[in-house]
Amino acid sequence: MEICSVRKVCRRGYEHPRCCGSSVVSFVNYNEKAAQQYRLVLWEVFMKIHLYMLCYRFEALVASHLEPEAFGRYMAVGTQKNARGNVLFFEIDPALKSSYFKLNDLEQRCVPHVDGSPKRSKYISVYRVLEHLDVSVFGKLYLCTADGRVMALDSAPYDAKQEVRGSNLYEELCPVFPLVVSALAPAAFLKFMTDPGNPVNVPRLFFVDMLLDRDETGQLAGYLPYPDPLHLIDCVNDLEKGSGKKTKTVSRSPRHHAFFRTIRRGFFIGDQKELKFYPFPDRRILEVEYAKWWRSASESLIS
């Protein structure tokens, strides 16, 4: 489509200012019908629909015209629906096909506003989202701090051979969200939690592996900002007594400061058949390549 120059009348019958990039500035409407047709043309050309899954203590499948970083900023600081806190979301394959989600009329529901501005969020589902998305449709994972800084993580192969024996600390993020200690390594923990033969199980799970460093006395390292370190260590000790338990709940609804500062290996999502691993950068890379994001994540006192 050829963009008309400034102050010229296009063949659809109205005058508009110059368009720039992927955002379209407002125009003067001479004919409502023609304007509607032109908005549809602009939508087809400029407004690509993205699919995102929110997955931090809440699950939702959302359509949006915003690119991932803009969507993250909007969810963190651009709406009053999220008063405070971090935002985690996946980019979902836009070619998603599903008999569970209503997607056939998405192009009619996720349309730009009347002034031409993009639709920032159109909720598709807020219930049982994760279990109805195959692991293969999950793309990049985006971590957004409370003040809107966004970092993207790519999935990478997970080498289970590097796992070592010992206690692990996991925060389950979706569809349930307790904080647990486990004698199982991440891959085995995922298999255990999604095993239909267990009395308590979920079809699919998203969780993060967290730091569990201890000092020479066996107590939790002082730099870890967990709210009840003595209780956490008691749970670890109970697990290590050899009672046969594979997991022990530390908190049913954890709320601790500086969530991103406590991440160890990274994030895991999967089920009985598949696993995707999103490694978290080490401290040196965070300080050099993601300095602004890391500073925001480190200074934030909310989870």
Protein backbone atom coordinates (compact mmCIF):
# COMPACT_ATOMS: atom_id res chain seq x y z
CA MET A 1 0.00 0.00 0.00
CA GLU A 2 1.34 3.42 -0.94
CA ILE A 3 1.30 5.92 1.93
CA CYS A 4 0.00 9.34 0.95
CA SER A 5 2.22 12.35 1.59
CA VAL A 6 1.32 15.07 4.07
CA ARG A 7 -1.87 17.08 3.39
CA LYS A 8 -2.82 15.04 0.31
CA VAL A 9 -6.20 13.44 -0.11
CA CYS A 10 -6.03 9.72 -0.73
CA ARG A 11 -8.33 7.93 -3.14
CA ARG A 12 -10.51 6.73 -0.27
CA GLY A 13 -11.72 10.27 0.23
CA TYR A 14 -10.04 11.84 3.25
CA GLU A 15 -6.92 13.68 4.21
CA HIS A 16 -4.39 12.37 6.69
CA PRO A 17 -0.88 13.22 7.95
CA ARG A 18 2.21 11.21 7.17
CA CYS A 19 2.40 7.65 8.50
CA CYS A 20 5.60 6.65 10.26
CA GLY A 21 6.97 3.16 10.87
CA SER A 22 4.44 0.68 12.24
CA SER A 23 2.44 3.28 14.16
CA VAL A 24 -0.21 5.37 12.47
CA VAL A 25 -1.01 8.88 13.63
CA SER A 26 -4.56 10.13 13.70
CA PHE A 27 -6.29 11.38 10.60
CA VAL A 28 -9.13 13.72 9.66
CA ASN A 29 -12.22 11.77 8.78
CA TYR A 30 -14.29 12.97 5.84
CA ASN A 31 -16.29 9.84 5.28
CA GLU A 32 -16.96 7.38 8.07
CA LYS A 33 -17.43 4.44 5.76
CA ALA A 34 -14.25 5.20 3.85
CA ALA A 35 -12.43 5.76 7.12
CA GLN A 36 -13.52 2.37 8.40
CA GLN A 37 -12.30 0.73 5.21
CA TYR A 38 -8.98 2.53 5.49
CA ARG A 39 -8.58 1.47 9.13
CA LEU A 40 -9.06 -2.13 8.05
CA VAL A 41 -6.35 -1.70 5.42
CA LEU A 42 -4.00 -0.22 8.02
CA TRP A 43 -4.80 -3.06 10.40
CA GLU A 44 -3.94 -5.66 7.75
CA VAL A 45 -0.66 -3.93 6.91
CA PHE A 46 0.61 -2.74 10.29
CA MET A 47 -1.26 -4.53 13.09
CA LYS A 48 0.15 -8.01 13.54
CA ILE A 49 -1.58 -10.05 16.23
CA HIS A 50 0.76 -11.59 18.81
CA LEU A 51 -0.23 -14.29 21.28
CA TYR A 52 1.19 -14.17 24.81
CA MET A 53 0.69 -16.35 27.86
CA LEU A 54 0.91 -14.63 31.24
CA CYS A 55 2.30 -17.16 33.70
CA TYR A 56 3.32 -15.65 37.03
CA ARG A 57 0.81 -16.48 39.83
CA PHE A 58 -1.88 -16.09 37.21
CA GLU A 59 -2.43 -17.67 33.82
CA ALA A 60 -4.01 -16.07 30.78
CA LEU A 61 -3.80 -16.27 27.02
CA VAL A 62 -3.76 -12.76 25.56
CA ALA A 63 -3.79 -11.34 22.04
CA SER A 64 -2.07 -8.02 21.41
CA HIS A 65 -0.79 -5.78 18.62
CA LEU A 66 2.18 -4.80 20.79
CA GLU A 67 5.65 -6.24 20.28
CA PRO A 68 6.94 -8.29 23.27
CA GLU A 69 8.93 -5.53 24.97
CA ALA A 70 6.11 -3.01 24.59
CA PHE A 71 3.62 -5.58 25.88
CA GLY A 72 5.79 -6.24 28.92
CA ARG A 73 6.08 -2.54 29.74
CA TYR A 74 2.35 -2.12 29.29
CA MET A 75 1.53 -5.01 31.62
CA ALA A 76 3.98 -3.79 34.26
CA VAL A 77 3.42 -0.04 34.31
CA GLY A 78 0.88 0.86 31.65
CA THR A 79 -2.27 -0.44 33.28
CA GLN A 80 -3.86 -0.11 36.71
CA LYS A 81 -4.94 -3.77 36.62
CA ASN A 82 -1.49 -4.76 37.90
CA ALA A 83 -0.90 -2.52 40.91
CA ARG A 84 2.62 -3.79 41.54
CA GLY A 85 4.88 -6.70 40.83
CA ASN A 86 6.87 -8.54 38.19
CA VAL A 87 5.41 -9.90 34.96
CA LEU A 88 6.43 -13.15 33.25
CA PHE A 89 5.02 -14.19 29.89
CA PHE A 90 5.73 -16.48 26.96
CA GLU A 91 5.42 -15.63 23.32
CA ILE A 92 3.10 -18.24 21.79
CA ASP A 93 3.22 -19.45 18.20
CA PRO A 94 0.78 -17.16 16.31
CA ALA A 95 -0.21 -20.12 14.13
CA LEU A 96 -1.72 -21.80 17.20
CA LYS A 97 -4.64 -24.11 16.41
CA SER A 98 -6.91 -25.17 19.25
CA SER A 99 -10.32 -26.68 19.81
CA TYR A 100 -10.30 -25.35 23.40
CA PHE A 101 -9.56 -21.66 22.81
CA LYS A 102 -11.85 -19.52 20.71
CA LEU A 103 -9.49 -18.30 18.01
CA ASN A 104 -11.53 -18.43 14.82
CA ASP A 105 -12.83 -14.86 15.20
CA LEU A 106 -9.72 -13.36 16.78
CA GLU A 107 -9.13 -10.96 13.90
CA GLN A 108 -12.60 -9.51 14.44
CA ARG A 109 -12.14 -9.20 18.22
CA CYS A 110 -8.56 -7.93 18.36
CA VAL A 111 -8.83 -4.79 16.23
CA PRO A 112 -7.22 -1.34 16.59
CA HIS A 113 -9.02 1.42 18.44
CA VAL A 114 -11.08 3.92 16.45
CA ASP A 115 -8.18 6.40 16.52
CA GLY A 116 -5.89 3.85 14.88
CA SER A 117 -3.91 2.98 18.01
CA PRO A 118 -3.09 -0.70 18.59
CA LYS A 119 -5.12 -3.03 20.77
CA ARG A 120 -2.85 -3.60 23.76
CA SER A 121 -4.54 -6.66 25.23
CA LYS A 122 -7.48 -8.85 24.35
CA TYR A 123 -7.95 -11.72 26.79
CA ILE A 124 -8.75 -15.05 25.15
CA SER A 125 -8.79 -17.24 28.25
CA VAL A 126 -7.95 -17.00 31.96
CA TYR A 127 -8.71 -20.60 32.96
CA ARG A 128 -6.78 -23.85 32.42
CA VAL A 129 -4.57 -22.19 29.84
CA LEU A 130 -1.26 -24.01 30.39
CA GLU A 131 -2.72 -27.51 30.17
CA HIS A 132 -4.24 -26.71 26.77
CA LEU A 133 -1.02 -25.46 25.18
CA ASP A 134 1.47 -27.98 23.83
CA VAL A 135 5.05 -27.40 24.91
CA SER A 136 6.02 -26.96 21.24
CA VAL A 137 4.08 -23.66 20.89
CA PHE A 138 6.05 -21.87 23.62
CA GLY A 139 8.59 -19.39 22.26
CA LYS A 140 10.74 -16.93 24.15
CA LEU A 141 10.16 -16.27 27.84
CA TYR A 142 10.07 -12.60 28.85
CA LEU A 143 10.94 -11.39 32.35
CA CYS A 144 9.61 -7.94 33.17
CA THR A 145 10.55 -6.03 36.31
CA ALA A 146 8.11 -3.95 38.31
CA ASP A 147 9.24 -0.74 36.57
CA GLY A 148 8.93 -2.14 33.06
CA ARG A 149 12.42 -3.42 32.13
CA VAL A 150 12.14 -6.49 29.90
CA MET A 151 14.64 -9.31 29.26
CA ALA A 152 14.04 -12.20 26.86
CA LEU A 153 15.23 -15.77 27.46
CA ASP A 154 15.59 -18.38 24.73
CA SER A 155 15.11 -22.07 25.38
CA ALA A 156 18.19 -24.29 25.34
CA PRO A 157 18.93 -28.02 25.62
CA TYR A 158 18.95 -29.26 29.18
CA ASP A 159 21.73 -31.66 30.14
CA ALA A 160 20.39 -33.86 32.92
CA LYS A 161 23.84 -35.44 33.27
CA GLN A 162 25.06 -32.28 35.02
CA GLU A 163 22.59 -32.70 37.86
CA VAL A 164 24.04 -33.46 41.28
CA ARG A 165 22.48 -35.07 44.34
CA GLY A 166 21.10 -32.80 47.04
CA SER A 167 18.14 -30.65 47.97
CA ASN A 168 16.62 -28.24 45.49
CA LEU A 169 14.34 -25.26 45.96
CA TYR A 170 11.60 -24.72 43.38
CA GLU A 171 8.89 -22.12 43.06
CA GLU A 172 6.01 -23.43 41.00
CA LEU A 173 4.67 -20.56 38.88
CA CYS A 174 1.77 -22.01 36.89
CA PRO A 175 -0.86 -23.41 37.20
CA VAL A 176 -0.13 -23.75 40.94
CA PHE A 177 2.39 -21.66 42.85
CA PRO A 178 3.75 -23.14 46.11
CA LEU A 179 7.38 -22.91 47.16
CA VAL A 180 8.80 -26.42 47.70
CA VAL A 181 12.04 -28.18 48.52
CA SER A 182 12.69 -31.42 46.69
CA ALA A 183 15.23 -34.22 46.59
CA LEU A 184 14.51 -34.50 42.87
CA ALA A 185 16.48 -32.73 40.14
CA PRO A 186 14.44 -30.50 37.76
CA ALA A 187 13.70 -33.09 35.08
CA ALA A 188 12.72 -35.73 37.63
CA PHE A 189 10.69 -33.19 39.59
CA LEU A 190 8.72 -32.31 36.46
CA LYS A 191 8.04 -35.99 35.76
CA PHE A 192 6.93 -36.52 39.35
CA MET A 193 4.58 -33.51 39.45
CA THR A 194 2.89 -34.35 36.14
CA ASP A 195 2.54 -38.08 36.79
CA PRO A 196 -1.20 -38.97 36.60
CA GLY A 197 -0.51 -41.86 38.98
CA ASN A 198 0.26 -39.47 41.85
CA PRO A 199 -2.64 -38.38 44.07
CA VAL A 200 -1.64 -34.74 43.53
CA ASN A 201 -0.57 -33.87 39.99
CA VAL A 202 -0.99 -31.29 37.23
CA PRO A 203 -1.11 -31.92 33.46
CA ARG A 204 1.72 -29.46 32.76
CA LEU A 205 3.95 -27.34 34.99
CA PHE A 206 6.02 -24.15 34.80
CA PHE A 207 8.52 -23.63 37.61
CA VAL A 208 11.82 -21.95 38.46
CA ASP A 209 14.92 -23.40 40.10
CA MET A 210 16.03 -21.16 42.98
CA LEU A 211 19.16 -20.55 45.02
CA LEU A 212 19.58 -22.61 48.18
CA ASP A 213 23.07 -21.61 49.28
CA ARG A 214 24.09 -22.31 52.86
CA ASP A 215 26.96 -21.07 55.01
CA GLU A 216 29.51 -23.17 56.91
CA THR A 217 27.05 -23.72 59.78
CA GLY A 218 24.36 -25.10 57.50
CA GLN A 219 22.15 -22.05 57.76
CA LEU A 220 20.75 -20.21 54.75
CA ALA A 221 23.20 -17.73 53.22
CA GLY A 222 22.57 -14.23 54.52
CA TYR A 223 22.33 -12.62 51.08
CA LEU A 224 19.23 -14.62 50.12
CA PRO A 225 16.09 -12.53 50.73
CA TYR A 226 13.70 -15.31 51.76
CA PRO A 227 11.22 -14.18 54.44
CA ASP A 228 11.55 -17.15 56.86
CA PRO A 229 15.02 -18.71 56.48
CA LEU A 230 14.77 -20.85 59.63
CA HIS A 231 11.58 -22.52 58.43
CA LEU A 232 13.13 -23.09 55.00
CA ILE A 233 16.17 -24.82 56.49
CA ASP A 234 13.90 -26.92 58.75
CA CYS A 235 12.10 -28.14 55.64
CA VAL A 236 15.41 -29.00 53.98
CA ASN A 237 16.59 -30.88 57.07
CA ASP A 238 13.33 -32.84 57.25
CA LEU A 239 13.76 -33.83 53.62
CA GLU A 240 17.38 -34.90 54.11
CA LYS A 241 16.56 -37.16 57.08
CA GLY A 242 15.70 -39.89 54.61
CA SER A 243 11.99 -40.21 55.36
CA GLY A 244 11.29 -41.17 51.77
CA LYS A 245 9.46 -37.97 50.90
CA LYS A 246 10.42 -36.49 47.54
CA THR A 247 9.06 -32.99 48.11
CA LYS A 248 8.05 -30.79 51.03
CA THR A 249 6.03 -27.60 50.85
CA VAL A 250 7.72 -24.52 52.31
CA SER A 251 4.92 -22.04 51.56
CA ARG A 252 1.55 -22.37 49.84
CA SER A 253 1.59 -18.74 48.67
CA PRO A 254 5.17 -17.44 48.69
CA ARG A 255 5.89 -13.72 48.62
CA HIS A 256 9.54 -12.80 48.84
CA HIS A 257 11.49 -9.72 47.86
CA ALA A 258 13.71 -9.48 44.79
CA PHE A 259 12.41 -12.61 43.04
CA PHE A 260 14.84 -12.34 40.11
CA ARG A 261 17.86 -12.24 42.43
CA THR A 262 17.03 -15.72 43.74
CA ILE A 263 17.02 -17.61 40.41
CA ARG A 264 19.58 -20.40 40.10
CA ARG A 265 19.69 -22.42 36.88
CA GLY A 266 16.58 -21.05 35.20
CA PHE A 267 13.00 -21.86 34.26
CA PHE A 268 11.43 -25.17 33.25
CA ILE A 269 8.16 -25.95 31.51
CA GLY A 270 6.85 -29.32 30.44
CA ASP A 271 4.94 -32.48 31.14
CA GLN A 272 5.47 -36.26 31.00
CA LYS A 273 6.64 -36.15 27.39
CA GLU A 274 8.46 -32.85 26.85
CA LEU A 275 10.62 -30.36 28.71
CA LYS A 276 11.80 -26.89 27.76
CA PHE A 277 14.59 -25.20 29.68
CA TYR A 278 15.18 -21.45 29.76
CA PRO A 279 18.61 -20.85 31.31
CA PHE A 280 19.04 -17.73 33.43
CA PRO A 281 22.21 -15.71 32.62
CA ASP A 282 25.03 -15.77 35.13
CA ARG A 283 25.87 -12.74 37.23
CA ARG A 284 28.67 -11.47 34.98
CA ILE A 285 26.49 -11.50 31.86
CA LEU A 286 23.66 -9.78 33.73
CA GLU A 287 25.94 -7.00 34.93
CA VAL A 288 27.51 -6.41 31.50
CA GLU A 289 24.92 -7.21 28.84
CA TYR A 290 21.70 -6.59 30.79
CA ALA A 291 22.90 -3.94 33.21
CA LYS A 292 19.74 -1.81 33.24
CA TRP A 293 17.46 -4.81 33.61
CA TRP A 294 19.63 -6.32 36.37
CA ARG A 295 19.80 -3.05 38.27
CA SER A 296 16.01 -2.78 38.14
CA ALA A 297 15.59 -6.42 39.20
CA SER A 298 18.09 -6.05 42.05
CA GLU A 299 16.69 -2.81 43.43
CA SER A 300 13.06 -3.92 43.35
CA LEU A 301 11.71 -4.83 46.79
CA ILE A 302 8.53 -6.39 45.45
CA SER A 303 7.97 -9.81 43.97
